[in-house]
Amino acid sequence: MGACATARAAVPRGVPASRPRPNAPPGRRLPGRRLPGRRLPGRRLPRAARAVPDDDDEPPPAAVVGIFLDLDNLNPGRASPERAAVMAHRLREAARQLGGGALGGVAPDDDARAPALVVAFRAFGNAETVSPAIAEALEAAGAEVCRVEGAEPDAADLALGANLDAFANAWAADASAPPPPGFLTERVVDALRREAAASSSSRAPDAESEDARRVAADDAERAALAAAAERASRIAEGFASARAALVPASRRALPAVALLATNDTDLVPCVEYARERCGLRVVVLGDFVPRVEDSRRGQRAKRARPKRRGRAFAGDPRANGGADPRVGVTRSYWSAVQAASSARPVGNLKLPSSADAALVWDATRAFALDGSRTGVRRPEGDDDAGFEGATGGTTTKPVPGGVVGIWRREGAGRGVGAWPSPRAAVLHPSE
């Protein structure tokens, strides 16, 4: 379990240090690194999960994605490791959908349907928000977890912002992209300025102390920004090394996407730096639509309700397959999503409007689960028949939390569309 507090002194705060792996998903392997996850005994890994040799003839992925999860904002719950693992799996699946044609035709025709390659998956939260069990479940699902210790305000946000800036700089479309500017939240800046002004006032309590306090506050802010920029630049070196190993100079450049999972508007400057200064596509994911209540929920007679049989629901969970109306994106639920997004348009929100697209996440809606791909483990002492234990790694229960739609910056009408979709996620003005 990664923890910033236990990192070596040479490692800047906010950088996951306990497991320095690049978090490549099945199908890609960087030299000298292990694939995330564990191999089940007695089972041959599928072809997509085996190491790929370093061969110049091996075609590169259509795009690369870095996932950055704000656990203080989108938290699966302290007491649900299974839900945390499922959340990580669903975030990775959403990220993989951002490949090829999802980027608005920027990829060649032969890459139009190729999935994106997740080259980084990092989750950030303070030690009070992220329990050790949750961190372990996320790491088993392939994420690097940074549990920030201490009472520093917005410490997890600062670590996330530094990593997002570093990823954008390392994967910038233009090699001349400016270095990370340093990221501080307004609360951190206010606290620094107050502390510096108070310290200056205690040293110079005369009539000119007002100017002295202002100068001291300005100096403290500049020093903090410089330190934050230096930290982001050091993190960028690691991302740049991973990029060089994955994409030799002989290959064409890969389009890069940053998937930021949060509702926190404090991170808007990082989104703007990635999009406007580094040329990355940025997709944000969060609870951007007010909580949706299915209008048909609970209206059927008891005898008409499907019986729970302790196994996965039949059919496509997104189409619901005629099963439980409380599971998946049903027709009535979709109508409720449309009504809620019309009442409060996603494009009017500060964070989505700064990005290229926004995936709408519903943390309360349950979705059927193909547990064979999640790595979900049954906790010790749990006799629920829905879990097969550590060796099977499956569950038949529907699990809350999933992507229910997408908002596109350049989309017609700028409403919430279906997800997944054959249409590109990131559109160009001409599309």
Protein backbone atom coordinates (compact mmCIF):
# COMPACT_ATOMS: atom_id res chain seq x y z
CA MET A 1 0.00 0.00 0.00
CA GLY A 2 1.47 3.29 -1.12
CA ALA A 3 1.63 6.06 1.41
CA CYS A 4 3.22 9.43 0.92
CA ALA A 5 4.16 9.63 4.58
CA THR A 6 6.39 6.57 4.33
CA ALA A 7 8.21 7.68 1.19
CA ARG A 8 11.95 8.26 1.27
CA ALA A 9 13.15 11.81 1.79
CA ALA A 10 14.38 12.01 -1.81
CA VAL A 11 10.88 11.46 -3.08
CA PRO A 12 8.76 14.64 -3.18
CA ARG A 13 5.61 14.63 -1.17
CA GLY A 14 2.57 13.61 -3.12
CA VAL A 15 4.40 11.09 -5.33
CA PRO A 16 3.30 7.46 -4.87
CA ALA A 17 6.48 5.75 -3.80
CA SER A 18 5.79 2.31 -2.39
CA ARG A 19 5.05 0.67 -5.74
CA PRO A 20 6.98 2.45 -8.51
CA ARG A 21 5.24 0.64 -11.34
CA PRO A 22 3.82 2.43 -14.40
CA ASN A 23 0.41 0.79 -14.03
CA ALA A 24 0.30 -0.46 -17.57
CA PRO A 25 -2.92 -2.44 -18.11
CA PRO A 26 -2.97 -5.93 -19.59
CA GLY A 27 -1.55 -5.92 -23.10
CA ARG A 28 1.48 -3.65 -22.56
CA ARG A 29 4.57 -3.98 -20.45
CA LEU A 30 7.35 -1.51 -19.92
CA PRO A 31 10.90 -2.90 -19.71
CA GLY A 32 11.88 -4.17 -16.31
CA ARG A 33 8.46 -3.71 -14.71
CA ARG A 34 5.82 -6.19 -13.59
CA LEU A 35 2.28 -6.16 -14.82
CA PRO A 36 -0.16 -5.04 -12.09
CA GLY A 37 -2.38 -7.59 -10.42
CA ARG A 38 -1.75 -11.18 -9.43
CA ARG A 39 -1.68 -14.28 -11.56
CA LEU A 40 -4.18 -16.87 -10.43
CA PRO A 41 -2.63 -20.28 -9.71
CA GLY A 42 -3.25 -22.92 -12.34
CA ARG A 43 -4.66 -20.51 -14.90
CA ARG A 44 -2.98 -19.35 -18.08
CA LEU A 45 -3.09 -15.63 -18.56
CA PRO A 46 -5.06 -14.52 -21.61
CA ARG A 47 -3.05 -13.24 -24.53
CA ALA A 48 -3.95 -9.62 -23.76
CA ALA A 49 -2.43 -9.93 -20.28
CA ARG A 50 0.95 -11.30 -21.36
CA ALA A 51 4.03 -9.21 -21.74
CA VAL A 52 4.52 -7.64 -25.16
CA PRO A 53 8.08 -7.86 -26.47
CA ASP A 54 9.92 -4.69 -27.37
CA ASP A 55 9.63 -4.97 -31.14
CA ASP A 56 9.79 -2.04 -33.51
CA ASP A 57 7.19 -3.79 -35.68
CA GLU A 58 4.68 -3.95 -32.82
CA PRO A 59 1.98 -1.34 -33.52
CA PRO A 60 1.57 1.24 -30.76
CA PRO A 61 -1.80 1.87 -29.10
CA ALA A 62 -4.19 4.41 -30.60
CA ALA A 63 -3.86 6.73 -27.59
CA VAL A 64 -2.59 6.79 -24.03
CA VAL A 65 -4.56 7.74 -20.93
CA GLY A 66 -3.56 8.78 -17.45
CA ILE A 67 -6.23 8.34 -14.75
CA PHE A 68 -6.15 10.64 -11.72
CA LEU A 69 -8.70 9.84 -9.02
CA ASP A 70 -9.62 12.21 -6.19
CA LEU A 71 -10.61 9.89 -3.35
CA ASP A 72 -11.51 12.80 -1.09
CA ASN A 73 -14.16 13.73 -3.64
CA LEU A 74 -15.26 10.46 -5.25
CA ASN A 75 -14.92 8.01 -2.40
CA PRO A 76 -16.14 4.41 -2.69
CA GLY A 77 -16.61 4.26 1.10
CA ARG A 78 -14.24 3.30 3.89
CA ALA A 79 -15.92 -0.03 4.60
CA SER A 80 -16.25 -1.42 1.06
CA PRO A 81 -13.02 -2.73 -0.51
CA GLU A 82 -15.06 -4.63 -3.09
CA ARG A 83 -16.76 -1.45 -4.23
CA ALA A 84 -13.38 0.29 -4.44
CA ALA A 85 -12.00 -2.48 -6.67
CA VAL A 86 -15.06 -2.33 -8.91
CA MET A 87 -14.77 1.45 -9.11
CA ALA A 88 -11.14 1.14 -10.23
CA HIS A 89 -12.13 -1.43 -12.84
CA ARG A 90 -14.90 0.76 -14.22
CA LEU A 91 -12.64 3.81 -14.38
CA ARG A 92 -10.07 1.82 -16.31
CA GLU A 93 -12.73 0.51 -18.70
CA ALA A 94 -13.98 4.06 -19.29
CA ALA A 95 -10.41 5.21 -19.94
CA ARG A 96 -9.84 2.44 -22.47
CA GLN A 97 -12.88 3.67 -24.38
CA LEU A 98 -11.02 6.93 -25.02
CA GLY A 99 -8.87 5.46 -27.79
CA GLY A 100 -8.78 5.74 -31.55
CA GLY A 101 -11.95 7.27 -32.93
CA ALA A 102 -12.95 8.56 -29.49
CA LEU A 103 -10.58 11.46 -30.04
CA GLY A 104 -12.45 12.97 -32.94
CA GLY A 105 -10.68 11.36 -35.87
CA VAL A 106 -7.13 12.18 -34.80
CA ALA A 107 -6.08 8.53 -35.18
CA PRO A 108 -5.46 6.75 -38.52
CA ASP A 109 -8.21 4.55 -39.91
CA ASP A 110 -6.60 1.36 -38.66
CA ASP A 111 -6.66 2.75 -35.11
CA ALA A 112 -10.27 3.90 -35.22
CA ARG A 113 -11.48 1.10 -32.94
CA ALA A 114 -8.32 0.46 -30.96
CA PRO A 115 -8.63 0.95 -27.19
CA ALA A 116 -6.49 3.45 -25.36
CA LEU A 117 -3.59 2.27 -23.24
CA VAL A 118 -3.72 3.27 -19.58
CA VAL A 119 -0.16 4.29 -18.75
CA ALA A 120 -0.85 5.77 -15.32
CA PHE A 121 -3.54 5.23 -12.70
CA ARG A 122 -3.05 7.21 -9.51
CA ALA A 123 -5.48 7.81 -6.66
CA PHE A 124 -5.09 10.51 -4.00
CA GLY A 125 -6.72 10.99 -0.62
CA ASN A 126 -5.93 11.84 2.97
CA ALA A 127 -5.36 9.13 5.52
CA GLU A 128 -8.71 9.80 7.21
CA THR A 129 -10.65 9.39 3.95
CA VAL A 130 -8.81 6.37 2.55
CA SER A 131 -8.66 3.41 4.88
CA PRO A 132 -5.86 0.85 4.51
CA ALA A 133 -8.39 -1.72 3.24
CA ILE A 134 -9.59 0.64 0.51
CA ALA A 135 -6.03 1.47 -0.49
CA GLU A 136 -5.14 -2.22 -0.69
CA ALA A 137 -8.18 -2.98 -2.84
CA LEU A 138 -7.35 -0.14 -5.23
CA GLU A 139 -3.74 -1.23 -5.51
CA ALA A 140 -4.79 -4.81 -6.20
CA ALA A 141 -6.91 -3.38 -9.04
CA GLY A 142 -3.85 -1.67 -10.53
CA ALA A 143 -3.90 1.84 -9.04
CA GLU A 144 -1.12 3.63 -7.20
CA VAL A 145 -2.55 5.10 -4.00
CA CYS A 146 -1.17 8.17 -2.26
CA ARG A 147 -2.53 8.44 1.29
CA VAL A 148 -1.49 11.89 2.46
CA GLU A 149 -0.70 12.18 6.15
CA GLY A 150 -0.89 15.34 8.23
CA ALA A 151 -3.23 18.28 8.60
CA GLU A 152 -1.93 20.41 5.73
CA PRO A 153 -4.93 21.96 3.94
CA ASP A 154 -5.77 20.41 0.56
CA ALA A 155 -2.67 18.21 0.71
CA ALA A 156 -4.25 15.49 -1.44
CA ASP A 157 -5.42 18.06 -3.99
CA LEU A 158 -1.90 19.49 -4.21
CA ALA A 159 -0.47 16.02 -4.84
CA LEU A 160 -3.10 15.27 -7.48
CA GLY A 161 -2.58 18.62 -9.20
CA ALA A 162 1.19 18.16 -9.29
CA ASN A 163 0.81 14.72 -10.86
CA LEU A 164 -1.74 15.92 -13.42
CA ASP A 165 0.51 18.83 -14.42
CA ALA A 166 3.48 16.46 -14.65
CA PHE A 167 1.61 13.97 -16.83
CA ALA A 168 0.48 16.75 -19.16
CA ASN A 169 4.01 18.09 -19.47
CA ALA A 170 5.55 14.68 -20.12
CA TRP A 171 2.97 13.73 -22.77
CA ALA A 172 2.65 17.20 -24.31
CA ALA A 173 1.91 17.23 -28.02
CA ASP A 174 4.56 19.92 -28.48
CA ALA A 175 8.05 19.41 -27.10
CA SER A 176 8.26 23.14 -26.44
CA ALA A 177 5.39 23.09 -23.94
CA PRO A 178 6.13 25.26 -20.91
CA PRO A 179 7.11 23.54 -17.66
CA PRO A 180 4.47 22.99 -14.97
CA PRO A 181 3.60 26.36 -13.41
CA GLY A 182 3.03 25.03 -9.90
CA PHE A 183 -0.40 24.35 -8.47
CA LEU A 184 -1.82 25.73 -5.23
CA THR A 185 -5.45 25.93 -4.17
CA GLU A 186 -6.93 29.22 -3.02
CA ARG A 187 -7.24 27.90 0.54
CA VAL A 188 -3.55 27.02 0.63
CA VAL A 189 -2.59 30.44 -0.73
CA ASP A 190 -4.78 32.22 1.82
CA ALA A 191 -3.31 30.20 4.67
CA LEU A 192 0.25 30.89 3.51
CA ARG A 193 -0.36 34.60 3.18
CA ARG A 194 -2.02 34.89 6.58
CA GLU A 195 0.81 33.01 8.26
CA ALA A 196 3.49 35.10 6.53
CA ALA A 197 1.71 38.36 7.31
CA ALA A 198 1.27 37.42 10.96
CA SER A 199 4.94 36.50 11.26
CA SER A 200 6.00 39.79 9.66
CA SER A 201 3.68 41.79 11.91
CA SER A 202 5.18 40.26 15.02
CA ARG A 203 8.65 41.31 13.87
CA ALA A 204 7.69 44.84 12.72
CA PRO A 205 4.74 46.18 14.75
CA ASP A 206 5.29 49.80 13.62
CA ALA A 207 3.20 51.95 11.28
CA GLU A 208 4.89 50.55 8.16
CA SER A 209 4.05 46.98 9.05
CA GLU A 210 1.14 46.86 6.56
CA ASP A 211 3.50 47.09 3.60
CA ALA A 212 5.85 44.64 5.26
CA ARG A 213 3.02 42.16 5.77
CA ARG A 214 1.99 42.42 2.11
CA VAL A 215 5.56 41.93 0.88
CA ALA A 216 6.03 38.95 3.19
CA ALA A 217 2.78 37.40 1.97
CA ASP A 218 3.77 37.89 -1.68
CA ASP A 219 7.18 36.33 -1.05
CA ALA A 220 5.62 33.33 0.69
CA GLU A 221 3.21 32.76 -2.19
CA ARG A 222 5.97 32.98 -4.81
CA ALA A 223 8.15 30.56 -2.85
CA ALA A 224 5.32 28.06 -2.50
CA LEU A 225 4.52 28.25 -6.23
CA ALA A 226 8.17 27.73 -7.08
CA ALA A 227 8.37 24.69 -4.79
CA ALA A 228 5.17 23.26 -6.32
CA ALA A 229 6.51 23.78 -9.84
CA GLU A 230 9.78 22.06 -8.95
CA ARG A 231 7.91 19.11 -7.45
CA ALA A 232 5.76 18.73 -10.58
CA SER A 233 8.86 18.89 -12.79
CA ARG A 234 10.48 16.06 -10.84
CA ILE A 235 7.35 13.94 -11.20
CA ALA A 236 7.29 14.73 -14.92
CA GLU A 237 10.71 13.15 -15.30
CA GLY A 238 9.24 9.79 -14.29
CA PHE A 239 6.35 10.13 -16.74
CA ALA A 240 8.79 11.17 -19.48
CA SER A 241 10.92 8.08 -18.87
CA ALA A 242 7.85 5.87 -19.19
CA ARG A 243 6.89 7.64 -22.41
CA ALA A 244 10.36 7.15 -23.89
CA ALA A 245 10.24 3.43 -23.08
CA LEU A 246 6.78 3.05 -24.63
CA VAL A 247 7.16 5.27 -27.69
CA PRO A 248 10.61 5.19 -29.30
CA ALA A 249 11.63 8.18 -31.39
CA SER A 250 11.11 6.12 -34.56
CA ARG A 251 7.37 5.88 -33.90
CA ARG A 252 4.76 8.53 -34.40
CA ALA A 253 3.62 10.54 -31.42
CA LEU A 254 0.60 9.24 -29.55
CA PRO A 255 -2.36 11.41 -28.61
CA ALA A 256 -2.65 11.60 -24.84
CA VAL A 257 -5.72 11.96 -22.64
CA ALA A 258 -5.95 12.85 -18.98
CA LEU A 259 -8.99 11.36 -17.23
CA LEU A 260 -9.60 13.36 -14.06
CA ALA A 261 -12.12 11.78 -11.68
CA THR A 262 -13.34 14.50 -9.34
CA ASN A 263 -15.97 17.19 -8.83
CA ASP A 264 -13.46 19.64 -7.35
CA THR A 265 -13.32 22.95 -9.21
CA ASP A 266 -10.00 23.77 -7.54
CA LEU A 267 -8.33 21.65 -10.23
CA VAL A 268 -9.55 23.79 -13.13
CA PRO A 269 -6.08 25.47 -13.50
CA CYS A 270 -4.53 22.03 -14.01
CA VAL A 271 -7.12 21.14 -16.65
CA GLU A 272 -6.46 24.42 -18.46
CA TYR A 273 -2.69 23.88 -18.35
CA ALA A 274 -3.05 20.38 -19.83
CA ARG A 275 -5.42 21.46 -22.61
CA GLU A 276 -4.20 24.91 -23.53
CA ARG A 277 -0.46 24.75 -22.88
CA CYS A 278 0.33 21.06 -23.48
CA GLY A 279 -2.23 20.09 -26.12
CA LEU A 280 -3.69 17.14 -24.20
CA ARG A 281 -7.31 16.08 -24.33
CA VAL A 282 -8.85 16.22 -20.88
CA VAL A 283 -11.96 14.28 -19.87
CA VAL A 284 -13.37 14.84 -16.40
CA LEU A 285 -15.54 12.32 -14.57
CA GLY A 286 -17.85 13.13 -11.69
CA ASP A 287 -21.34 13.54 -10.27
CA PHE A 288 -22.22 16.32 -12.68
CA VAL A 289 -25.96 15.56 -12.77
CA PRO A 290 -28.11 15.94 -9.64
CA ARG A 291 -29.04 12.66 -7.99
CA VAL A 292 -31.46 10.85 -10.25
CA GLU A 293 -34.47 8.95 -8.94
CA ASP A 294 -35.95 6.44 -11.36
CA SER A 295 -39.61 7.44 -11.78
CA ARG A 296 -40.67 3.80 -12.15
CA ARG A 297 -38.80 2.58 -9.11
CA GLY A 298 -41.03 0.73 -6.69
CA GLN A 299 -44.18 1.05 -8.80
CA ARG A 300 -44.54 -2.58 -9.78
CA ALA A 301 -46.48 -5.05 -7.72
CA LYS A 302 -44.47 -7.32 -5.47
CA ARG A 303 -45.38 -10.42 -7.48
CA ALA A 304 -44.09 -8.75 -10.65
CA ARG A 305 -40.67 -8.04 -9.21
CA PRO A 306 -37.86 -10.42 -10.21
CA LYS A 307 -36.67 -12.75 -7.50
CA ARG A 308 -33.07 -12.41 -6.35
CA ARG A 309 -31.22 -15.59 -7.23
CA GLY A 310 -27.70 -14.66 -6.09
CA ARG A 311 -26.19 -14.50 -9.58
CA ALA A 312 -25.46 -11.91 -12.25
CA PHE A 313 -28.45 -10.45 -14.02
CA ALA A 314 -29.07 -11.80 -17.52
CA GLY A 315 -28.65 -9.70 -20.61
CA ASP A 316 -26.83 -6.45 -21.22
CA PRO A 317 -26.74 -4.59 -17.88
CA ARG A 318 -26.91 -1.24 -19.65
CA ALA A 319 -30.05 -2.29 -21.54
CA ASN A 320 -31.18 -4.02 -18.34
CA GLY A 321 -32.24 -7.18 -20.18
CA GLY A 322 -35.72 -6.92 -18.68
CA ALA A 323 -34.33 -7.58 -15.20
CA ASP A 324 -34.39 -5.47 -12.05
CA PRO A 325 -35.41 -1.88 -12.97
CA ARG A 326 -33.11 -0.57 -10.24
CA VAL A 327 -30.04 -1.88 -12.08
CA GLY A 328 -28.37 -0.35 -15.12
CA VAL A 329 -29.49 2.38 -17.48
CA THR A 330 -33.13 1.59 -18.09
CA ARG A 331 -35.47 3.62 -20.27
CA SER A 332 -37.13 5.33 -17.30
CA TYR A 333 -33.79 6.00 -15.60
CA TRP A 334 -32.41 7.51 -18.80
CA SER A 335 -35.44 9.80 -19.03
CA ALA A 336 -34.73 10.94 -15.47
CA VAL A 337 -31.07 11.62 -16.36
CA GLN A 338 -32.16 13.74 -19.32
CA ALA A 339 -34.58 15.72 -17.18
CA ALA A 340 -31.95 16.33 -14.48
CA SER A 341 -29.28 17.40 -16.98
CA SER A 342 -31.74 19.77 -18.65
CA ALA A 343 -32.57 21.38 -15.31
CA ARG A 344 -28.86 21.89 -14.56
CA PRO A 345 -26.82 21.65 -17.80
CA VAL A 346 -23.46 20.00 -17.38
CA GLY A 347 -21.90 22.60 -19.66
CA ASN A 348 -22.75 25.32 -17.16
CA LEU A 349 -20.53 23.76 -14.50
CA LYS A 350 -17.04 25.16 -14.07
CA LEU A 351 -15.02 21.93 -14.17
CA PRO A 352 -16.72 20.22 -17.15
CA SER A 353 -16.76 23.44 -19.16
CA SER A 354 -12.97 23.67 -18.81
CA ALA A 355 -12.47 20.16 -20.25
CA ASP A 356 -13.01 18.54 -23.65
CA ALA A 357 -15.68 16.19 -22.36
CA ALA A 358 -17.27 15.03 -19.12
CA LEU A 359 -18.34 11.53 -18.16
CA VAL A 360 -21.36 11.58 -15.87
CA TRP A 361 -20.88 9.27 -12.89
CA ASP A 362 -23.72 8.09 -10.67
CA ALA A 363 -22.36 6.80 -7.36
CA THR A 364 -25.77 5.52 -6.20
CA ARG A 365 -27.03 3.67 -9.27
CA ALA A 366 -26.27 -0.06 -9.26
CA PHE A 367 -24.86 -1.84 -12.30
CA ALA A 368 -24.53 -5.53 -13.01
CA LEU A 369 -20.97 -6.74 -12.93
CA ASP A 370 -18.78 -9.11 -14.84
CA GLY A 371 -16.66 -10.00 -11.85
CA SER A 372 -14.19 -12.10 -13.81
CA ARG A 373 -12.43 -8.89 -14.86
CA THR A 374 -12.40 -6.99 -11.62
CA GLY A 375 -10.02 -8.76 -9.29
CA VAL A 376 -12.61 -8.35 -6.53
CA ARG A 377 -11.75 -10.38 -3.45
CA ARG A 378 -14.04 -11.63 -0.74
CA PRO A 379 -13.01 -10.29 2.67
CA GLU A 380 -12.14 -12.88 5.27
CA GLY A 381 -15.17 -13.96 7.26
CA ASP A 382 -17.66 -12.96 4.55
CA ASP A 383 -19.88 -15.95 3.86
CA ASP A 384 -21.88 -14.22 1.12
CA ALA A 385 -22.36 -16.68 -1.72
CA GLY A 386 -22.05 -13.82 -4.18
CA PHE A 387 -18.27 -13.90 -3.82
CA GLU A 388 -16.13 -16.85 -4.87
CA GLY A 389 -13.13 -15.84 -2.81
CA ALA A 390 -9.59 -14.85 -3.64
CA THR A 391 -9.00 -17.51 -6.28
CA GLY A 392 -12.17 -16.90 -8.27
CA GLY A 393 -12.31 -13.15 -7.78
CA THR A 394 -15.93 -12.82 -8.92
CA THR A 395 -19.14 -11.37 -7.57
CA THR A 396 -22.70 -11.64 -8.82
CA LYS A 397 -24.08 -8.65 -6.94
CA PRO A 398 -24.81 -5.41 -8.75
CA VAL A 399 -22.46 -2.74 -7.45
CA PRO A 400 -23.25 0.99 -7.20
CA GLY A 401 -21.24 3.49 -9.20
CA GLY A 402 -20.80 3.79 -12.93
CA VAL A 403 -20.69 6.04 -15.97
CA VAL A 404 -24.20 6.77 -17.24
CA GLY A 405 -23.58 9.32 -19.99
CA ILE A 406 -21.22 11.78 -21.63
CA TRP A 407 -21.25 15.53 -22.20
CA ARG A 408 -19.20 16.82 -25.14
CA ARG A 409 -17.88 20.35 -25.38
CA GLU A 410 -18.62 20.53 -29.10
CA GLY A 411 -21.66 18.27 -29.07
CA ALA A 412 -24.91 19.22 -30.77
CA GLY A 413 -27.21 20.67 -28.14
CA ARG A 414 -24.52 20.03 -25.51
CA GLY A 415 -26.74 17.65 -23.59
CA VAL A 416 -25.81 14.32 -22.01
CA GLY A 417 -25.44 11.52 -24.54
CA ALA A 418 -25.33 7.76 -24.11
CA TRP A 419 -22.19 5.96 -22.98
CA PRO A 420 -20.49 4.01 -24.41
CA SER A 421 -21.17 5.58 -27.77
CA PRO A 422 -20.03 5.05 -31.37
CA ARG A 423 -19.58 8.81 -31.57
CA ALA A 424 -16.27 10.35 -30.63
CA ALA A 425 -15.93 11.44 -27.02
CA VAL A 426 -13.77 14.44 -27.90
CA LEU A 427 -15.20 16.33 -30.86
CA HIS A 428 -13.64 19.01 -33.00
CA PRO A 429 -15.63 22.16 -33.83
CA SER A 430 -16.21 20.86 -37.37
CA GLU A 431 -17.70 17.54 -36.24
